Amino acid sequence: MKKVLIVDDEKEIVDFMARFLKRLNIDSKTAISGEQALDFYKTDNYDCVFLDIHLGGIDGIEVLKQLKQLKPDVKVVVITGSIGEESKDKILKLGAIDYLQKPIVLSDFKEKVKNYI
């Protein structure tokens, strides 16, 4: 079974995404902080990580860097409220494979799931 790590400090978002993945028979784990995400990632294997950039404590950029150090081929889709070209270039250079814009539209999320999981 495929497994996804969802990281966002907004509980409603991680719950929404986890419920949707469950309907697709995809197992997921949710984290509401960067520290929690890194702890989970170190102890389990995930096919993809959906990662919010704006987190309390360790921000998403730092989490992305650390995830790539732990496993260079990890698939990370960044979640963000707004993304300019400069930010988009930065996250892609750091190793993210794509981004998902907030507010999350179910059809956009479904497309990312289809493409990367």
N, C-alpha and C. Protein backbone atom coordinates (compact mmCIF):
# COMPACT_ATOMS: atom_id res chain seq x y z
N MET A 1 0.84 -1.19 0.00
CA MET A 1 0.00 0.00 0.00
C MET A 1 0.88 1.25 0.00
N LYS A 2 0.51 2.21 -0.78
CA LYS A 2 1.24 3.48 -0.85
C LYS A 2 1.04 4.25 0.45
N LYS A 3 2.05 5.05 0.80
CA LYS A 3 1.98 5.80 2.05
C LYS A 3 2.48 7.23 1.83
N VAL A 4 1.74 8.18 2.38
CA VAL A 4 2.01 9.60 2.18
C VAL A 4 2.14 10.28 3.54
N LEU A 5 3.07 11.23 3.62
CA LEU A 5 3.19 12.08 4.80
C LEU A 5 2.66 13.46 4.43
N ILE A 6 1.70 13.94 5.22
CA ILE A 6 1.10 15.26 5.00
C ILE A 6 1.53 16.17 6.14
N VAL A 7 2.13 17.31 5.78
CA VAL A 7 2.66 18.22 6.80
C VAL A 7 2.06 19.61 6.60
N ASP A 8 1.28 20.05 7.57
CA ASP A 8 0.69 21.40 7.54
C ASP A 8 0.29 21.74 8.96
N ASP A 9 0.48 22.99 9.36
CA ASP A 9 0.12 23.38 10.72
C ASP A 9 -1.38 23.67 10.87
N GLU A 10 -2.12 23.55 9.78
CA GLU A 10 -3.57 23.72 9.84
C GLU A 10 -4.21 22.33 9.85
N LYS A 11 -4.72 21.95 11.02
CA LYS A 11 -5.27 20.60 11.20
C LYS A 11 -6.38 20.29 10.21
N GLU A 12 -7.19 21.27 9.86
CA GLU A 12 -8.28 21.03 8.92
C GLU A 12 -7.75 20.57 7.56
N ILE A 13 -6.62 21.13 7.15
CA ILE A 13 -6.04 20.78 5.85
C ILE A 13 -5.50 19.36 5.87
N VAL A 14 -4.73 19.00 6.90
CA VAL A 14 -4.19 17.64 6.94
C VAL A 14 -5.30 16.62 7.06
N ASP A 15 -6.35 16.93 7.82
CA ASP A 15 -7.48 16.01 7.96
C ASP A 15 -8.21 15.84 6.62
N PHE A 16 -8.43 16.94 5.91
CA PHE A 16 -9.08 16.90 4.60
C PHE A 16 -8.28 16.03 3.63
N MET A 17 -6.98 16.26 3.57
CA MET A 17 -6.13 15.52 2.65
C MET A 17 -6.07 14.03 3.02
N ALA A 18 -5.98 13.74 4.31
CA ALA A 18 -5.92 12.35 4.77
C ALA A 18 -7.22 11.60 4.46
N ARG A 19 -8.35 12.26 4.65
CA ARG A 19 -9.64 11.62 4.32
C ARG A 19 -9.73 11.30 2.84
N PHE A 20 -9.29 12.23 2.00
CA PHE A 20 -9.33 12.01 0.56
C PHE A 20 -8.43 10.83 0.18
N LEU A 21 -7.22 10.78 0.72
CA LEU A 21 -6.30 9.69 0.42
C LEU A 21 -6.86 8.34 0.87
N LYS A 22 -7.52 8.34 2.02
CA LYS A 22 -8.10 7.10 2.52
C LYS A 22 -9.14 6.55 1.54
N ARG A 23 -9.92 7.44 0.92
CA ARG A 23 -10.92 7.00 -0.08
C ARG A 23 -10.24 6.37 -1.29
N LEU A 24 -8.98 6.73 -1.53
CA LEU A 24 -8.22 6.17 -2.64
C LEU A 24 -7.37 4.97 -2.22
N ASN A 25 -7.59 4.50 -0.98
CA ASN A 25 -6.82 3.39 -0.42
C ASN A 25 -5.32 3.70 -0.34
N ILE A 26 -5.01 4.93 0.00
CA ILE A 26 -3.64 5.36 0.21
C ILE A 26 -3.50 5.70 1.69
N ASP A 27 -2.56 5.05 2.35
CA ASP A 27 -2.32 5.28 3.76
C ASP A 27 -1.60 6.62 3.94
N SER A 28 -1.93 7.34 4.99
CA SER A 28 -1.25 8.61 5.23
C SER A 28 -0.99 8.82 6.71
N LYS A 29 0.00 9.62 6.97
CA LYS A 29 0.32 10.05 8.32
C LYS A 29 0.34 11.57 8.27
N THR A 30 -0.15 12.21 9.31
CA THR A 30 -0.20 13.67 9.32
C THR A 30 0.70 14.23 10.41
N ALA A 31 1.34 15.34 10.07
CA ALA A 31 2.19 16.06 11.02
C ALA A 31 1.80 17.53 10.99
N ILE A 32 1.81 18.17 12.16
CA ILE A 32 1.41 19.58 12.22
C ILE A 32 2.59 20.50 12.52
N SER A 33 3.80 19.95 12.46
CA SER A 33 5.00 20.77 12.63
C SER A 33 6.14 20.14 11.84
N GLY A 34 7.14 20.96 11.56
CA GLY A 34 8.31 20.46 10.86
C GLY A 34 9.06 19.42 11.68
N GLU A 35 9.17 19.66 12.97
CA GLU A 35 9.86 18.72 13.85
C GLU A 35 9.17 17.36 13.85
N GLN A 36 7.85 17.38 13.95
CA GLN A 36 7.08 16.15 13.95
C GLN A 36 7.24 15.41 12.61
N ALA A 37 7.22 16.16 11.53
CA ALA A 37 7.38 15.55 10.20
C ALA A 37 8.72 14.84 10.09
N LEU A 38 9.78 15.49 10.54
CA LEU A 38 11.11 14.88 10.46
C LEU A 38 11.20 13.63 11.33
N ASP A 39 10.61 13.68 12.52
CA ASP A 39 10.58 12.49 13.38
C ASP A 39 9.86 11.34 12.68
N PHE A 40 8.71 11.61 12.11
CA PHE A 40 7.95 10.56 11.40
C PHE A 40 8.75 10.02 10.22
N TYR A 41 9.37 10.92 9.48
CA TYR A 41 10.08 10.52 8.27
C TYR A 41 11.28 9.63 8.59
N LYS A 42 11.91 9.88 9.72
CA LYS A 42 13.09 9.09 10.11
C LYS A 42 12.72 7.67 10.52
N THR A 43 11.45 7.44 10.87
CA THR A 43 11.06 6.12 11.38
C THR A 43 10.16 5.33 10.45
N ASP A 44 9.83 5.88 9.27
CA ASP A 44 8.93 5.17 8.36
C ASP A 44 9.28 5.54 6.92
N ASN A 45 8.76 4.79 5.98
CA ASN A 45 8.97 5.06 4.56
C ASN A 45 7.71 5.65 3.95
N TYR A 46 7.88 6.69 3.14
CA TYR A 46 6.75 7.36 2.50
C TYR A 46 7.03 7.47 1.01
N ASP A 47 5.98 7.29 0.21
CA ASP A 47 6.10 7.40 -1.24
C ASP A 47 6.13 8.86 -1.69
N CYS A 48 5.54 9.74 -0.87
CA CYS A 48 5.47 11.15 -1.22
C CYS A 48 5.20 11.95 0.05
N VAL A 49 5.67 13.20 0.06
CA VAL A 49 5.42 14.11 1.17
C VAL A 49 4.76 15.36 0.62
N PHE A 50 3.62 15.73 1.18
CA PHE A 50 2.97 17.01 0.89
C PHE A 50 3.34 17.92 2.05
N LEU A 51 4.07 18.99 1.76
CA LEU A 51 4.72 19.80 2.79
C LEU A 51 4.38 21.27 2.67
N ASP A 52 3.75 21.81 3.72
CA ASP A 52 3.47 23.25 3.77
C ASP A 52 4.79 23.99 4.02
N ILE A 53 4.94 25.12 3.38
CA ILE A 53 6.15 25.93 3.54
C ILE A 53 6.12 26.72 4.84
N HIS A 54 4.96 27.22 5.22
CA HIS A 54 4.85 28.08 6.40
C HIS A 54 4.39 27.26 7.60
N LEU A 55 5.37 26.87 8.41
CA LEU A 55 5.10 26.08 9.61
C LEU A 55 5.68 26.81 10.81
N GLY A 56 5.12 26.56 11.97
CA GLY A 56 5.74 27.08 13.19
C GLY A 56 6.99 26.26 13.48
N GLY A 57 7.95 26.84 14.18
CA GLY A 57 9.20 26.11 14.46
C GLY A 57 10.03 26.00 13.19
N ILE A 58 10.45 24.80 12.86
CA ILE A 58 11.22 24.59 11.63
C ILE A 58 10.28 24.84 10.45
N ASP A 59 10.66 25.73 9.54
CA ASP A 59 9.79 26.01 8.40
C ASP A 59 9.93 24.92 7.32
N GLY A 60 9.03 24.97 6.36
CA GLY A 60 8.98 23.95 5.31
C GLY A 60 10.22 23.90 4.45
N ILE A 61 10.87 25.03 4.24
CA ILE A 61 12.10 25.05 3.44
C ILE A 61 13.18 24.22 4.14
N GLU A 62 13.32 24.42 5.44
CA GLU A 62 14.32 23.65 6.19
C GLU A 62 13.94 22.17 6.23
N VAL A 63 12.66 21.88 6.39
CA VAL A 63 12.22 20.48 6.38
C VAL A 63 12.55 19.84 5.03
N LEU A 64 12.27 20.56 3.96
CA LEU A 64 12.58 20.06 2.61
C LEU A 64 14.07 19.75 2.49
N LYS A 65 14.92 20.65 2.94
CA LYS A 65 16.37 20.42 2.88
C LYS A 65 16.77 19.16 3.65
N GLN A 66 16.21 19.01 4.85
CA GLN A 66 16.56 17.86 5.68
C GLN A 66 16.01 16.56 5.09
N LEU A 67 14.80 16.60 4.54
CA LEU A 67 14.25 15.40 3.90
C LEU A 67 15.14 14.95 2.76
N LYS A 68 15.61 15.90 1.95
CA LYS A 68 16.47 15.57 0.82
C LYS A 68 17.83 15.03 1.28
N GLN A 69 18.30 15.47 2.44
CA GLN A 69 19.54 14.91 2.99
C GLN A 69 19.33 13.47 3.45
N LEU A 70 18.17 13.22 4.06
CA LEU A 70 17.87 11.88 4.55
C LEU A 70 17.66 10.89 3.40
N LYS A 71 16.96 11.35 2.37
CA LYS A 71 16.65 10.48 1.23
C LYS A 71 16.56 11.37 -0.02
N PRO A 72 17.63 11.47 -0.77
CA PRO A 72 17.68 12.40 -1.90
C PRO A 72 16.58 12.21 -2.94
N ASP A 73 16.04 11.00 -3.08
CA ASP A 73 15.02 10.79 -4.10
C ASP A 73 13.58 10.92 -3.59
N VAL A 74 13.42 11.45 -2.37
CA VAL A 74 12.07 11.64 -1.83
C VAL A 74 11.27 12.60 -2.72
N LYS A 75 10.00 12.26 -2.93
CA LYS A 75 9.10 13.12 -3.70
C LYS A 75 8.41 14.07 -2.73
N VAL A 76 8.64 15.37 -2.92
CA VAL A 76 8.03 16.38 -2.06
C VAL A 76 7.22 17.34 -2.92
N VAL A 77 5.94 17.47 -2.58
CA VAL A 77 5.07 18.46 -3.19
C VAL A 77 4.85 19.54 -2.13
N VAL A 78 5.25 20.75 -2.44
CA VAL A 78 5.14 21.86 -1.50
C VAL A 78 3.73 22.43 -1.54
N ILE A 79 3.18 22.72 -0.36
CA ILE A 79 1.87 23.36 -0.22
C ILE A 79 2.13 24.81 0.17
N THR A 80 1.49 25.74 -0.53
CA THR A 80 1.72 27.15 -0.21
C THR A 80 0.49 28.00 -0.52
N GLY A 81 0.33 29.07 0.24
CA GLY A 81 -0.78 29.99 0.01
C GLY A 81 -0.55 30.87 -1.20
N SER A 82 0.68 31.21 -1.44
CA SER A 82 1.00 32.02 -2.61
C SER A 82 2.42 31.68 -3.04
N ILE A 83 2.63 31.69 -4.33
CA ILE A 83 3.96 31.36 -4.82
C ILE A 83 4.28 32.22 -6.03
N GLY A 84 5.37 32.94 -5.91
CA GLY A 84 5.85 33.72 -7.04
C GLY A 84 6.88 32.92 -7.80
N GLU A 85 7.32 33.43 -8.91
CA GLU A 85 8.30 32.71 -9.72
C GLU A 85 9.60 32.46 -8.94
N GLU A 86 10.02 33.46 -8.15
CA GLU A 86 11.26 33.30 -7.39
C GLU A 86 11.13 32.18 -6.36
N SER A 87 10.00 32.15 -5.64
CA SER A 87 9.77 31.10 -4.66
C SER A 87 9.64 29.74 -5.33
N LYS A 88 8.94 29.71 -6.45
CA LYS A 88 8.78 28.46 -7.20
C LYS A 88 10.14 27.92 -7.62
N ASP A 89 10.98 28.77 -8.17
CA ASP A 89 12.32 28.36 -8.58
C ASP A 89 13.12 27.84 -7.39
N LYS A 90 13.00 28.52 -6.25
CA LYS A 90 13.76 28.13 -5.06
C LYS A 90 13.36 26.73 -4.59
N ILE A 91 12.06 26.47 -4.48
CA ILE A 91 11.64 25.16 -3.98
C ILE A 91 11.99 24.04 -4.96
N LEU A 92 11.92 24.33 -6.25
CA LEU A 92 12.29 23.32 -7.24
C LEU A 92 13.79 23.06 -7.21
N LYS A 93 14.59 24.10 -7.01
CA LYS A 93 16.05 23.93 -6.91
C LYS A 93 16.42 23.13 -5.67
N LEU A 94 15.62 23.27 -4.61
CA LEU A 94 15.88 22.52 -3.38
C LEU A 94 15.43 21.07 -3.48
N GLY A 95 14.70 20.74 -4.55
CA GLY A 95 14.36 19.34 -4.75
C GLY A 95 12.88 18.99 -4.73
N ALA A 96 12.01 19.97 -4.50
CA ALA A 96 10.57 19.67 -4.57
C ALA A 96 10.24 19.31 -6.02
N ILE A 97 9.27 18.41 -6.20
CA ILE A 97 8.89 18.01 -7.56
C ILE A 97 7.75 18.85 -8.10
N ASP A 98 7.01 19.51 -7.21
CA ASP A 98 5.86 20.30 -7.64
C ASP A 98 5.35 21.10 -6.45
N TYR A 99 4.29 21.86 -6.69
CA TYR A 99 3.66 22.60 -5.59
C TYR A 99 2.15 22.53 -5.74
N LEU A 100 1.47 22.73 -4.63
CA LEU A 100 0.02 22.73 -4.56
C LEU A 100 -0.38 24.01 -3.86
N GLN A 101 -1.21 24.80 -4.52
CA GLN A 101 -1.57 26.10 -3.98
C GLN A 101 -2.81 26.03 -3.08
N LYS A 102 -2.76 26.81 -1.99
CA LYS A 102 -3.92 26.96 -1.10
C LYS A 102 -4.77 28.11 -1.60
N PRO A 103 -6.06 28.08 -1.39
CA PRO A 103 -6.80 26.97 -0.81
C PRO A 103 -6.76 25.76 -1.75
N ILE A 104 -6.66 24.60 -1.15
CA ILE A 104 -6.50 23.37 -1.92
C ILE A 104 -7.81 23.04 -2.64
N VAL A 105 -7.69 22.88 -3.94
CA VAL A 105 -8.81 22.48 -4.78
C VAL A 105 -8.68 20.97 -4.97
N LEU A 106 -9.75 20.25 -4.69
CA LEU A 106 -9.71 18.80 -4.72
C LEU A 106 -9.20 18.26 -6.05
N SER A 107 -9.60 18.84 -7.15
CA SER A 107 -9.15 18.33 -8.46
C SER A 107 -7.64 18.53 -8.63
N ASP A 108 -7.08 19.62 -8.09
CA ASP A 108 -5.63 19.84 -8.16
C ASP A 108 -4.90 18.81 -7.30
N PHE A 109 -5.41 18.57 -6.10
CA PHE A 109 -4.80 17.59 -5.20
C PHE A 109 -4.86 16.20 -5.84
N LYS A 110 -6.01 15.87 -6.40
CA LYS A 110 -6.18 14.57 -7.04
C LYS A 110 -5.17 14.39 -8.18
N GLU A 111 -4.94 15.44 -8.94
CA GLU A 111 -3.97 15.37 -10.04
C GLU A 111 -2.56 15.11 -9.51
N LYS A 112 -2.18 15.79 -8.43
CA LYS A 112 -0.84 15.57 -7.85
C LYS A 112 -0.71 14.14 -7.35
N VAL A 113 -1.75 13.65 -6.70
CA VAL A 113 -1.74 12.27 -6.21
C VAL A 113 -1.57 11.31 -7.39
N LYS A 114 -2.32 11.52 -8.43
CA LYS A 114 -2.24 10.66 -9.62
C LYS A 114 -0.85 10.70 -10.24
N ASN A 115 -0.25 11.87 -10.29
CA ASN A 115 1.06 12.03 -10.93
C ASN A 115 2.23 11.49 -10.11
N TYR A 116 2.13 11.55 -8.78
CA TYR A 116 3.31 11.30 -7.96
C TYR A 116 3.22 10.11 -7.00
N ILE A 117 2.05 9.52 -6.89
CA ILE A 117 1.92 8.41 -5.94
C ILE A 117 1.58 7.14 -6.68
